[in-house]
Protein backbone atom coordinates (compact mmCIF):
# COMPACT_ATOMS: atom_id res chain seq x y z
CA MET A 1 -0.23 0.10 0.07
CA THR A 2 1.27 3.53 -1.32
CA VAL A 3 1.21 5.73 1.88
CA ALA A 4 2.34 9.86 1.53
CA ALA A 5 5.08 8.99 3.83
CA ASP A 6 6.37 7.39 0.42
CA PHE A 7 6.42 10.92 -1.03
CA PRO A 8 7.92 13.39 0.97
CA GLN A 9 9.02 15.88 -1.65
CA PRO A 10 5.40 15.93 -3.70
CA LEU A 11 5.28 17.99 -7.41
CA ALA A 12 4.77 21.06 -6.67
CA GLU A 13 1.02 22.16 -8.15
CA GLU A 14 1.19 22.97 -11.50
CA PRO A 15 -0.49 26.17 -12.60
CA VAL A 16 -3.90 26.22 -14.73
CA PRO A 17 -3.97 27.42 -16.97
CA SER A 18 -0.37 27.02 -18.42
CA VAL A 19 0.29 28.60 -21.36
CA ALA A 20 4.11 28.74 -23.35
CA GLU A 21 4.95 31.17 -25.74
CA LEU A 22 6.99 30.69 -28.83
CA PRO A 23 10.27 32.18 -29.86
CA ALA A 24 9.25 35.82 -31.62
CA SER A 25 11.52 34.39 -34.13
CA TYR A 26 11.53 30.82 -35.52
CA PRO A 27 14.64 28.27 -36.05
CA ASP A 28 15.28 27.43 -39.68
CA SER A 29 14.69 24.22 -38.75
CA TRP A 30 10.36 24.59 -37.56
CA VAL A 31 8.11 23.77 -40.80
CA PHE A 32 4.14 24.73 -41.38
CA VAL A 33 2.96 22.04 -41.64
CA HIS A 34 -0.50 22.75 -44.16
CA ASP A 35 -3.05 20.31 -42.89
CA PHE A 36 -5.38 20.05 -44.80
CA HIS A 37 -7.73 17.27 -43.44
CA GLY A 38 -9.52 15.96 -46.02
CA ASN A 39 -11.83 14.17 -44.03
CA SER A 40 -12.70 17.29 -42.56
CA LEU A 41 -12.13 20.43 -44.30
CA ILE A 42 -13.76 22.65 -41.89
CA ASP A 43 -11.45 21.26 -38.73
CA ALA A 44 -7.79 22.38 -41.22
CA ARG A 45 -4.83 23.49 -39.43
CA GLY A 46 -0.93 24.73 -39.49
CA VAL A 47 0.81 22.64 -37.54
CA ILE A 48 4.31 24.11 -36.59
CA VAL A 49 7.00 21.53 -36.21
CA ASP A 50 11.09 20.85 -35.45
CA VAL A 51 12.09 18.58 -37.48
CA ALA A 52 15.55 18.97 -35.98
CA ALA A 53 14.51 18.13 -32.45
CA ASP A 54 14.55 14.20 -30.26
CA ASN A 55 11.32 15.04 -29.12
CA ASN A 56 7.99 17.51 -28.57
CA ASN A 57 8.79 18.26 -32.17
CA VAL A 58 4.94 19.50 -32.81
CA ARG A 59 5.42 23.38 -31.03
CA GLY A 60 1.80 24.40 -31.95
CA GLN A 61 -1.66 24.98 -34.47
CA ILE A 62 -3.69 26.77 -35.21
CA PRO A 63 -7.06 26.69 -36.77
CA ILE A 64 -7.36 26.27 -39.97
CA SER A 65 -11.18 26.97 -42.40
CA HIS A 66 -13.02 25.65 -45.47
CA PHE A 67 -9.71 25.79 -48.24
CA GLY A 68 -7.52 27.65 -46.51
CA SER A 69 -4.00 28.66 -47.27
CA ILE A 70 -0.86 30.01 -44.49
CA THR A 71 1.54 32.37 -45.57
CA PRO A 72 3.72 33.33 -42.61
CA SER A 73 5.83 36.57 -42.01
CA PRO A 74 8.59 36.63 -40.01
CA THR A 75 9.54 40.24 -40.59
CA ARG A 76 6.09 41.47 -39.02
CA SER A 77 5.69 38.50 -36.74
CA GLU A 78 2.66 37.45 -37.71
CA ILE A 79 1.03 34.51 -39.90
CA TYR A 80 -1.93 35.33 -42.24
CA VAL A 81 -4.42 32.70 -43.44
CA GLY A 82 -7.63 33.12 -45.79
CA GLU A 83 -9.65 31.30 -45.11
CA THR A 84 -14.04 31.20 -45.27
CA PHE A 85 -16.30 30.51 -43.10
CA TYR A 86 -19.84 30.13 -43.84
CA SER A 87 -22.59 31.06 -40.58
CA ARG A 88 -24.03 27.79 -40.97
CA GLN A 89 -20.96 25.49 -40.52
CA THR A 90 -20.97 24.03 -43.89
CA ARG A 91 -23.93 26.29 -45.56
CA GLY A 92 -25.55 29.20 -44.75
CA GLU A 93 -24.19 33.24 -45.30
CA ARG A 94 -20.18 33.00 -46.57
CA THR A 95 -17.77 35.15 -45.12
CA ASP A 96 -13.62 35.52 -46.47
CA VAL A 97 -11.23 36.85 -44.68
CA ILE A 98 -7.52 36.57 -43.70
CA THR A 99 -7.15 36.45 -40.58
CA VAL A 100 -3.76 37.72 -38.66
CA TRP A 101 -1.83 34.87 -35.46
CA ASP A 102 0.51 35.91 -33.75
CA THR A 103 3.92 34.57 -34.26
CA LYS A 104 4.52 34.20 -30.46
CA THR A 105 1.66 33.69 -28.70
CA LEU A 106 -0.68 31.59 -31.49
CA THR A 107 -3.88 33.66 -30.59
CA PRO A 108 -5.35 35.50 -33.14
CA LYS A 109 -4.18 39.17 -33.54
CA GLY A 110 -7.67 39.90 -36.68
CA GLU A 111 -8.74 39.37 -39.06
CA ILE A 112 -9.76 41.29 -42.93
CA VAL A 113 -13.45 40.52 -44.64
CA LEU A 114 -12.68 39.74 -48.29
CA PRO A 115 -15.69 41.21 -49.85
CA GLY A 116 -17.72 39.37 -52.92
CA GLY A 117 -16.82 35.56 -51.68
CA LYS A 118 -14.50 35.23 -54.59
CA ARG A 119 -11.75 33.51 -52.02
CA GLY A 120 -10.58 31.06 -54.63
CA GLN A 121 -11.31 27.63 -52.51
CA PHE A 122 -9.26 24.67 -53.93
CA VAL A 123 -6.46 21.57 -51.94
CA THR A 124 -3.79 24.19 -50.58
CA LEU A 125 -0.77 25.41 -52.92
CA VAL A 126 1.02 28.06 -51.55
CA ASN A 127 0.84 30.44 -54.11
CA SER A 128 -2.67 31.74 -53.49
CA LEU A 129 -1.45 33.91 -50.75
CA GLN A 130 1.97 35.77 -50.98
CA LEU A 131 3.38 38.76 -49.57
CA THR A 132 4.73 41.66 -51.34
CA ASN A 133 5.83 45.76 -49.96
CA ASN A 134 8.27 43.93 -47.73
CA ASP A 135 5.68 42.23 -46.08
CA LYS A 136 3.49 45.96 -45.99
CA TRP A 137 0.70 43.83 -48.76
CA ALA A 138 -0.80 40.32 -48.54
CA MET A 139 -2.46 39.15 -52.26
CA ILE A 140 -5.13 36.44 -52.24
CA PHE A 141 -6.35 34.73 -55.50
CA ASN A 142 -10.10 34.46 -56.21
CA PHE A 143 -11.75 32.20 -58.43
CA THR A 144 -15.51 32.47 -59.48
CA PRO A 145 -14.42 31.01 -61.71
CA GLY A 146 -13.26 34.17 -62.53
CA SER A 147 -9.98 34.82 -61.45
CA SER A 148 -8.21 37.70 -59.95
CA VAL A 149 -6.15 38.80 -56.80
CA THR A 150 -7.60 40.75 -53.71
CA VAL A 151 -4.76 43.50 -52.50
CA VAL A 152 -4.75 43.89 -48.97
CA ASP A 153 -2.99 46.32 -47.13
CA LEU A 154 -1.82 44.53 -43.78
CA ASP A 155 -1.06 48.02 -41.52
CA SER A 156 -4.44 49.14 -41.71
CA ARG A 157 -6.34 45.68 -42.33
CA ALA A 158 -7.45 46.98 -45.45
CA VAL A 159 -8.32 46.10 -49.15
CA ILE A 160 -6.57 48.39 -51.41
CA SER A 161 -7.44 47.08 -55.15
CA GLU A 162 -8.48 44.38 -57.36
CA VAL A 163 -6.93 43.37 -59.66
CA ASP A 164 -8.59 41.42 -62.99
CA LEU A 165 -6.56 37.90 -64.04
CA PRO A 166 -8.59 36.59 -66.67
CA GLY A 167 -7.19 33.19 -67.43
CA CYS A 168 -4.30 32.99 -65.23
CA SER A 169 -3.55 31.21 -62.17
CA LEU A 170 -2.19 31.95 -57.99
CA ILE A 171 0.31 34.76 -57.30
CA TYR A 172 4.62 35.30 -57.76
CA PRO A 173 5.89 38.23 -56.45
CA THR A 174 7.88 40.30 -58.94
CA GLY A 175 10.01 43.78 -58.18
CA ALA A 176 9.54 45.19 -55.18
CA ARG A 177 6.14 45.05 -54.90
CA GLY A 178 3.32 43.61 -57.94
CA PHE A 179 3.08 40.08 -59.31
CA ALA A 180 2.80 37.07 -61.67
CA SER A 181 -0.05 34.58 -62.74
CA LEU A 182 0.45 31.53 -64.77
CA CYS A 183 -2.22 31.90 -67.52
CA ALA A 184 -4.09 28.81 -69.26
CA ASP A 185 -2.16 29.52 -72.74
CA GLY A 186 1.08 29.08 -71.93
CA THR A 187 2.54 32.54 -70.51
CA MET A 188 2.81 33.77 -67.79
CA SER A 189 1.89 37.40 -67.24
CA SER A 190 2.75 40.54 -64.56
CA ILE A 191 1.72 43.15 -62.97
CA ALA A 192 3.43 45.68 -61.44
CA LEU A 193 1.08 47.66 -58.33
CA ASP A 194 2.02 51.46 -57.61
CA ALA A 195 2.44 52.40 -54.28
CA GLN A 196 -1.42 52.53 -53.78
CA GLY A 197 -1.32 49.08 -55.02
CA LYS A 198 -3.30 49.84 -57.81
CA PRO A 199 -2.01 47.40 -60.85
CA GLY A 200 -0.04 49.10 -64.20
CA ALA A 201 0.06 48.13 -67.41
CA THR A 202 0.50 44.07 -67.74
CA VAL A 203 3.47 42.32 -68.87
CA THR A 204 3.13 39.01 -70.83
CA SER A 205 5.86 36.65 -71.74
CA GLU A 206 5.70 34.43 -74.79
CA ALA A 207 4.43 30.98 -74.62
CA PHE A 208 7.03 28.25 -73.08
CA ASN A 209 4.79 26.82 -70.84
CA ASP A 210 2.87 22.83 -72.60
CA ILE A 211 0.70 22.95 -70.93
CA ASP A 212 -0.74 19.93 -73.86
CA SER A 213 2.27 17.89 -73.29
CA ASP A 214 3.57 18.14 -70.72
CA PRO A 215 2.46 21.38 -68.08
CA LEU A 216 4.26 23.00 -64.54
CA PHE A 217 3.38 22.65 -61.62
CA MET A 218 2.42 25.16 -59.93
CA THR A 219 4.51 25.42 -56.85
CA PRO A 220 7.74 25.85 -57.89
CA ALA A 221 11.44 26.05 -55.38
CA MET A 222 12.42 29.44 -54.16
CA VAL A 223 16.32 30.21 -54.92
CA GLY A 224 16.19 33.90 -53.91
CA ARG A 225 14.25 36.15 -56.25
CA THR A 226 14.38 32.71 -58.93
CA GLY A 227 11.74 30.55 -59.65
CA TRP A 228 12.44 26.65 -60.22
CA PHE A 229 9.38 24.67 -61.71
CA VAL A 230 9.42 21.21 -62.52
CA SER A 231 7.38 20.01 -65.68
CA PHE A 232 5.01 16.65 -65.66
CA LYS A 233 7.35 14.77 -67.39
CA GLY A 234 10.72 16.49 -65.47
CA ASN A 235 11.96 19.40 -67.00
CA LEU A 236 13.53 22.30 -65.34
CA ARG A 237 12.84 26.04 -66.03
CA ALA A 238 13.51 28.77 -64.32
CA ILE A 239 12.37 32.83 -63.90
CA ASN A 240 13.66 35.19 -62.34
CA PHE A 241 10.80 37.57 -59.74
CA ASN A 242 13.36 40.13 -59.15
CA GLY A 243 11.86 42.39 -61.71
CA GLU A 244 8.75 44.16 -61.99
CA ALA A 245 8.08 42.10 -64.81
CA ALA A 246 8.80 38.48 -64.24
CA LYS A 247 11.37 36.81 -66.45
CA VAL A 248 11.34 33.17 -68.80
CA LEU A 249 15.08 31.50 -67.88
CA GLY A 250 15.63 28.41 -69.39
CA SER A 251 15.06 24.29 -69.11
CA PHE A 252 17.11 21.66 -68.53
CA PRO A 253 15.54 18.86 -68.37
CA ILE A 254 16.27 16.46 -65.02
CA PRO A 255 20.00 14.27 -65.13
CA ALA A 256 19.34 10.20 -65.47
CA GLN A 257 15.89 9.60 -65.95
CA SER A 258 16.34 6.61 -67.01
CA GLY A 259 12.97 6.18 -70.05
CA GLY A 260 10.83 3.75 -70.54
CA THR A 261 7.57 3.54 -69.54
CA PRO A 262 6.61 2.86 -67.17
CA GLU A 263 9.44 5.74 -66.09
CA TRP A 264 10.52 7.79 -63.69
CA ARG A 265 8.61 11.29 -63.11
CA PRO A 266 7.65 14.05 -60.35
CA GLY A 267 4.85 13.10 -58.75
CA GLY A 268 3.40 14.66 -55.16
CA TRP A 269 1.89 17.69 -54.46
CA GLN A 270 4.35 19.84 -53.37
CA VAL A 271 7.46 18.34 -56.16
CA ILE A 272 10.06 20.56 -55.74
CA SER A 273 12.07 22.42 -52.82
CA ALA A 274 14.97 24.15 -52.83
CA ASP A 275 17.36 24.29 -49.49
CA ARG A 276 19.61 27.77 -48.95
CA ALA A 277 22.84 26.51 -50.79
CA GLY A 278 20.41 26.69 -53.63
CA LEU A 279 20.43 23.09 -54.43
CA LEU A 280 16.88 21.75 -55.67
CA TYR A 281 14.99 18.50 -54.37
CA VAL A 282 12.27 17.05 -56.70
CA LEU A 283 10.24 13.68 -55.20
CA MET A 284 10.05 11.55 -57.79
CA ASN A 285 8.36 8.62 -58.92
CA PRO A 286 9.19 5.06 -60.50
CA LYS A 287 6.09 4.25 -62.27
CA GLY A 288 5.34 7.56 -64.90
CA GLY A 289 3.32 7.89 -67.25
CA GLU A 290 0.29 9.71 -68.09
CA GLY A 291 -1.61 10.88 -65.18
CA SER A 292 0.43 10.02 -62.37
CA HIS A 293 1.84 13.13 -61.19
CA LYS A 294 0.02 13.29 -58.36
CA ASP A 295 0.41 10.11 -56.74
CA GLY A 296 3.43 10.81 -55.05
CA GLY A 297 6.65 9.64 -54.78
CA THR A 298 9.54 6.71 -53.24
CA GLU A 299 12.64 9.32 -53.90
CA ALA A 300 13.83 12.29 -53.65
CA TRP A 301 16.38 14.10 -56.63
CA VAL A 302 18.79 16.15 -55.56
CA ILE A 303 19.76 18.39 -58.64
CA ASP A 304 22.17 21.37 -58.80
CA PRO A 305 20.46 23.33 -61.41
CA VAL A 306 23.70 25.32 -62.17
CA ALA A 307 25.55 22.65 -63.02
CA LYS A 308 22.37 20.86 -64.21
CA THR A 309 23.68 18.09 -62.69
CA LEU A 310 22.20 14.81 -60.34
CA VAL A 311 23.99 15.21 -57.17
CA ARG A 312 22.54 12.22 -55.15
CA ARG A 313 19.16 10.60 -55.36
CA ILE A 314 17.19 9.58 -51.63
CA ALA A 315 15.66 6.91 -51.45
CA LEU A 316 12.71 7.05 -49.25
CA LYS A 317 11.34 4.72 -46.43
CA ASN A 318 8.16 5.38 -46.98
CA HIS A 319 6.12 6.55 -50.04
CA SER A 320 5.62 10.68 -49.65
CA ILE A 321 2.80 12.78 -51.23
CA SER A 322 5.49 16.20 -50.87
CA VAL A 323 8.78 17.27 -49.64
CA GLU A 324 10.43 20.33 -48.62
CA ALA A 325 14.24 20.94 -47.25
CA THR A 326 14.66 23.16 -44.25
CA GLN A 327 16.70 26.89 -44.20
CA GLN A 328 19.43 25.37 -41.78
CA ALA A 329 23.13 25.66 -43.33
CA LYS A 330 23.52 21.42 -42.91
CA PRO A 331 19.32 21.44 -44.70
CA LEU A 332 17.42 18.37 -43.40
CA LEU A 333 14.53 16.97 -45.29
CA VAL A 334 11.11 16.83 -45.03
CA ALA A 335 8.81 14.38 -46.61
CA SER A 336 4.81 13.81 -46.03
CA ARG A 337 3.38 11.00 -45.77
CA PRO A 338 -0.19 9.86 -46.57
CA ASP A 339 -1.00 8.65 -43.02
CA GLY A 340 -0.02 11.68 -41.78
CA SER A 341 3.04 11.24 -40.21
CA LEU A 342 6.45 13.55 -41.17
CA ASP A 343 9.91 11.47 -42.67
CA VAL A 344 13.28 13.57 -42.18
CA TYR A 345 16.63 12.95 -43.75
CA ASP A 346 19.65 14.47 -43.63
CA ALA A 347 19.67 16.08 -46.93
CA ALA A 348 23.55 15.91 -47.12
CA THR A 349 24.22 12.59 -46.98
CA GLY A 350 19.92 10.88 -47.24
CA ALA A 351 20.25 8.95 -44.59
CA PHE A 352 17.17 8.47 -42.36
CA VAL A 353 17.01 10.76 -39.14
CA ARG A 354 13.67 10.47 -37.29
CA THR A 355 9.85 10.04 -38.09
CA VAL A 356 7.74 13.08 -36.69
CA ALA A 357 4.32 10.83 -36.02
CA SER A 358 0.70 12.07 -36.80
CA VAL A 359 1.40 15.14 -36.78
CA ALA A 360 -1.43 16.20 -39.63
CA HIS A 361 -4.38 13.62 -41.35
CA THR A 362 -3.67 15.18 -44.58
CA PRO A 363 0.01 17.18 -44.84
CA ILE A 364 -0.25 18.38 -48.37
CA THR A 365 2.18 21.54 -47.90
CA MET A 366 5.31 22.40 -45.89
CA THR A 367 6.77 25.99 -45.44
CA ALA A 368 10.38 26.25 -43.77
CA VAL A 369 10.70 29.02 -42.11
CA ARG A 370 13.10 32.08 -43.87
CA ARG A 371 15.25 35.13 -43.27
């Protein structure tokens, strides 16, 4: 029988409630995992995970409603979530908002109501919500199915303009302020914004995206202001977003693809990422073919885009649907699995490091902390 004398120094009483705070600036080993939660779309979330920690990997989470999108701003110590609410959860009056969350406390600081019920609702894409003008403005993609971009001033919490995008989709920030968008005819249109956030002239590139035969995945890996896009059949294309108008650069095939049918092809949802040194990581599927582009993959191929060489092939322990490289000096590669767990690898060697189990229900996209 256990008696009080067996415990001469009882545990101290813990205060209730007890709420911890996160650092104002997140470490480079932290990753935002967007849990799309395919079984309950009104109950999605953004999970903040330290993929370098041996335990206590999950540092916090915020709720995300109805086909939401999440974008952190390290310069403002805020996290922005584009989301949609209905007055009766799944029906009723619709309200689109950008919710502003504090990075330290993970409490909501406010929300910006978006007019018109236009916010695009689809499976998570990182480039549906982006920042520009030194993170002073947010840009959110609308789809009704007419497409446009709403520009929001984050200081005044006010909508300042809406830019029509006939036939074009998503947002790729350009220059000091402005954005480009991929278009259905294989071109890219760029729109500069003036100091008041109003659109100027549109600059449209030559057609470069082979929509019918070899289209690009729409989420690029960013190396500085250059976006590296990969195509369904494994061609890499660079686009420079440093100027007011996007500049389409050259392309080259991923080296050492075997050919034949089936063949190694990119596959998954977030299929390409880049580390601080500029190496690219592409999620590859050995059973590639027509319609396999969302199937996920079993290897991550590391590519030097300057030398146009295959650096290494990382065999993944489990079938994965997305990849993201951390921005550490010695980066980790994170592969998300259909079961909601994350597998973590040493990006320099390909060695398996750990599994962070059951982080999410549907970990569609990931965003590594950037400075």
